[in-house]
Amino acid sequence: MTDTVQRNRSESQGAEASGSSGEQPRRTSMGKRDGDPGTRGRTTIADGVVEKIAGLAARDVVGVHAMGGGVSRTFGAVRDRVPGSSRSNATRGVKAEVGEVQTALDLEIVVDYGVSISDVARAVRENVVSAVERMTGLEVVEVNIAVSDVKLPDEEEDEPEPRIQ
């Protein structure tokens, strides 16, 4: 037997054993396809979904005081008071680009005074990547973090005072 025949026979036996003979999936008598029903169809995930997951995961890290820069936090606080505002507090300071199988994230954070910024940034990346990949199945290719401010212990919050108490 030649080497080519031996190789072809081995490949065809391997294909038969694995069930990947190149045929289309078989239909059963009821018109249903064989195989896992969970793999039929397509799932799309909106940018806002990934932004919410990432924002909540970033806020869970000790040392993160707030998300977003000073201006975006001020406008966000005003917008949160307007009924029917579309963008939630959870997505403030987060921008996601979502593809079919991957996502990239940009986060803007405010850290508490006295913490190691590099340690906080590393913890934020780890927590965000873990949460987004676990919940969405998307591969997180990068998490860019911009530290826009440091919250000093004696600083007042940028949030405007509510008119009603």
Protein backbone atom coordinates (compact mmCIF):
# COMPACT_ATOMS: atom_id res chain seq x y z
CA MET A 1 0.00 0.00 0.00
CA THR A 2 1.38 3.41 -0.87
CA ASP A 3 1.72 6.22 1.60
CA THR A 4 -0.95 8.29 -0.18
CA VAL A 5 -3.55 5.52 -0.04
CA GLN A 6 -2.74 4.88 3.60
CA ARG A 7 -3.11 8.60 4.41
CA ASN A 8 -6.42 8.90 2.50
CA ARG A 9 -7.84 5.83 4.21
CA SER A 10 -6.82 7.18 7.64
CA GLU A 11 -8.37 10.58 6.89
CA SER A 12 -11.67 9.07 5.72
CA GLN A 13 -11.85 6.79 8.74
CA GLY A 14 -11.15 9.80 11.02
CA ALA A 15 -13.89 11.81 9.33
CA GLU A 16 -16.37 8.95 9.73
CA ALA A 17 -15.44 8.54 13.38
CA SER A 18 -15.86 12.24 14.12
CA GLY A 19 -19.06 12.55 12.10
CA SER A 20 -17.65 15.33 9.92
CA SER A 21 -17.93 13.76 6.51
CA GLY A 22 -18.73 17.09 4.89
CA GLU A 23 -22.45 16.31 4.57
CA GLN A 24 -25.18 18.70 5.59
CA PRO A 25 -26.83 17.97 8.97
CA ARG A 26 -29.38 15.20 8.67
CA ARG A 27 -33.07 15.84 9.21
CA THR A 28 -35.09 13.48 11.34
CA SER A 29 -38.52 12.28 10.34
CA MET A 30 -40.12 15.27 12.12
CA GLY A 31 -38.11 17.78 10.04
CA LYS A 32 -35.75 18.65 12.88
CA ARG A 33 -31.98 18.75 12.50
CA ASP A 34 -29.65 16.57 14.50
CA GLY A 35 -27.26 18.45 16.78
CA ASP A 36 -27.37 20.95 19.59
CA PRO A 37 -30.37 23.32 19.34
CA GLY A 38 -28.38 25.95 21.23
CA THR A 39 -26.07 26.45 18.23
CA ARG A 40 -28.81 27.36 15.79
CA GLY A 41 -29.23 31.03 15.10
CA ARG A 42 -27.23 34.09 15.98
CA THR A 43 -26.91 36.16 19.15
CA THR A 44 -26.02 39.84 19.00
CA ILE A 45 -25.08 41.91 22.03
CA ALA A 46 -25.58 45.68 22.01
CA ASP A 47 -22.77 48.02 22.96
CA GLY A 48 -24.87 49.32 25.87
CA VAL A 49 -25.13 45.85 27.40
CA VAL A 50 -21.35 45.45 27.47
CA GLU A 51 -20.98 49.02 28.77
CA LYS A 52 -23.33 48.32 31.71
CA ILE A 53 -21.54 45.09 32.62
CA ALA A 54 -18.13 46.79 32.43
CA GLY A 55 -19.30 49.85 34.38
CA LEU A 56 -20.73 47.80 37.23
CA ALA A 57 -17.63 45.56 37.33
CA ALA A 58 -15.32 48.60 37.46
CA ARG A 59 -17.31 50.21 40.29
CA ASP A 60 -16.89 47.04 42.37
CA VAL A 61 -13.12 47.60 42.62
CA VAL A 62 -11.86 49.16 45.84
CA GLY A 63 -10.24 52.50 45.06
CA VAL A 64 -12.59 53.47 42.24
CA HIS A 65 -14.49 56.49 43.51
CA ALA A 66 -16.55 57.22 40.39
CA MET A 67 -16.78 56.66 36.67
CA GLY A 68 -16.40 59.39 34.06
CA GLY A 69 -14.73 62.78 34.13
CA GLY A 70 -15.95 65.77 36.11
CA VAL A 71 -18.02 67.22 33.29
CA SER A 72 -19.63 63.91 32.36
CA ARG A 73 -20.44 63.22 36.02
CA THR A 74 -22.08 66.65 36.39
CA PHE A 75 -24.11 66.29 33.20
CA GLY A 76 -24.93 62.71 34.15
CA ALA A 77 -26.26 63.77 37.54
CA VAL A 78 -28.51 66.36 35.88
CA ARG A 79 -29.59 63.87 33.19
CA ASP A 80 -30.41 61.24 35.85
CA ARG A 81 -32.97 63.64 37.34
CA VAL A 82 -34.77 64.07 34.00
CA PRO A 83 -37.60 61.54 33.58
CA GLY A 84 -37.09 59.24 30.61
CA SER A 85 -33.36 59.82 30.27
CA SER A 86 -31.93 57.05 28.13
CA ARG A 87 -28.36 56.60 29.35
CA SER A 88 -28.08 55.06 32.79
CA ASN A 89 -25.59 55.83 35.53
CA ALA A 90 -24.09 52.36 35.08
CA THR A 91 -22.66 53.25 31.66
CA ARG A 92 -21.15 56.60 32.63
CA GLY A 93 -17.45 56.69 31.78
CA VAL A 94 -17.60 53.51 29.66
CA LYS A 95 -17.39 53.16 25.89
CA ALA A 96 -17.54 49.74 24.21
CA GLU A 97 -16.95 48.63 20.66
CA VAL A 98 -18.60 45.26 20.17
CA GLY A 99 -17.94 42.95 17.24
CA GLU A 100 -19.24 39.46 16.54
CA VAL A 101 -16.78 37.67 18.85
CA GLN A 102 -14.63 40.41 20.41
CA THR A 103 -15.03 43.67 22.27
CA ALA A 104 -12.77 46.56 23.25
CA LEU A 105 -13.48 48.92 26.14
CA ASP A 106 -12.47 52.43 27.14
CA LEU A 107 -13.08 53.42 30.77
CA GLU A 108 -12.68 56.77 32.48
CA ILE A 109 -12.38 56.55 36.25
CA VAL A 110 -11.84 58.72 39.32
CA VAL A 111 -9.73 57.08 42.01
CA ASP A 112 -9.64 57.68 45.74
CA TYR A 113 -6.64 59.57 47.07
CA GLY A 114 -3.94 57.33 48.55
CA VAL A 115 -4.51 54.22 46.44
CA SER A 116 -2.00 52.86 43.96
CA ILE A 117 -3.35 53.89 40.58
CA SER A 118 -1.53 51.06 38.79
CA ASP A 119 -2.97 48.49 41.23
CA VAL A 120 -6.48 49.90 40.85
CA ALA A 121 -6.17 49.92 37.05
CA ARG A 122 -4.96 46.30 37.07
CA ALA A 123 -7.82 45.23 39.35
CA VAL A 124 -10.36 47.09 37.18
CA ARG A 125 -9.04 45.35 34.05
CA GLU A 126 -9.19 41.93 35.69
CA ASN A 127 -12.71 42.46 37.05
CA VAL A 128 -14.07 43.94 33.81
CA VAL A 129 -12.53 41.24 31.59
CA SER A 130 -13.81 38.50 33.87
CA ALA A 131 -17.35 39.87 34.07
CA VAL A 132 -17.73 40.72 30.37
CA GLU A 133 -16.28 37.42 29.13
CA ARG A 134 -18.31 35.36 31.61
CA MET A 135 -21.61 37.10 30.91
CA THR A 136 -21.34 37.66 27.15
CA GLY A 137 -18.94 35.03 25.84
CA LEU A 138 -17.13 37.79 23.94
CA GLU A 139 -13.34 37.96 24.01
CA VAL A 140 -12.18 41.23 25.57
CA VAL A 141 -9.18 42.29 23.50
CA GLU A 142 -8.35 45.45 25.45
CA VAL A 143 -9.47 47.59 28.36
CA ASN A 144 -8.06 51.11 28.16
CA ILE A 145 -8.31 53.08 31.39
CA ALA A 146 -8.04 56.84 31.70
CA VAL A 147 -7.76 58.19 35.25
CA SER A 148 -9.35 61.63 35.01
CA ASP A 149 -9.27 62.70 38.64
CA VAL A 150 -8.31 61.83 42.21
CA LYS A 151 -10.97 62.20 44.91
CA LEU A 152 -9.45 63.96 47.91
CA PRO A 153 -10.89 63.14 51.35
CA ASP A 154 -12.06 66.71 52.02
CA GLU A 155 -13.59 67.36 48.57
CA GLU A 156 -17.33 67.70 48.21
CA GLU A 157 -19.17 65.67 45.63
CA ASP A 158 -19.71 67.21 42.19
CA GLU A 159 -23.34 66.08 42.24
CA PRO A 160 -25.78 69.00 42.45
CA GLU A 161 -27.94 69.19 45.53
CA PRO A 162 -31.47 67.85 45.05
CA ARG A 163 -34.18 70.50 45.14
CA ILE A 164 -36.45 68.31 47.27
CA GLN A 165 -35.33 66.69 50.49
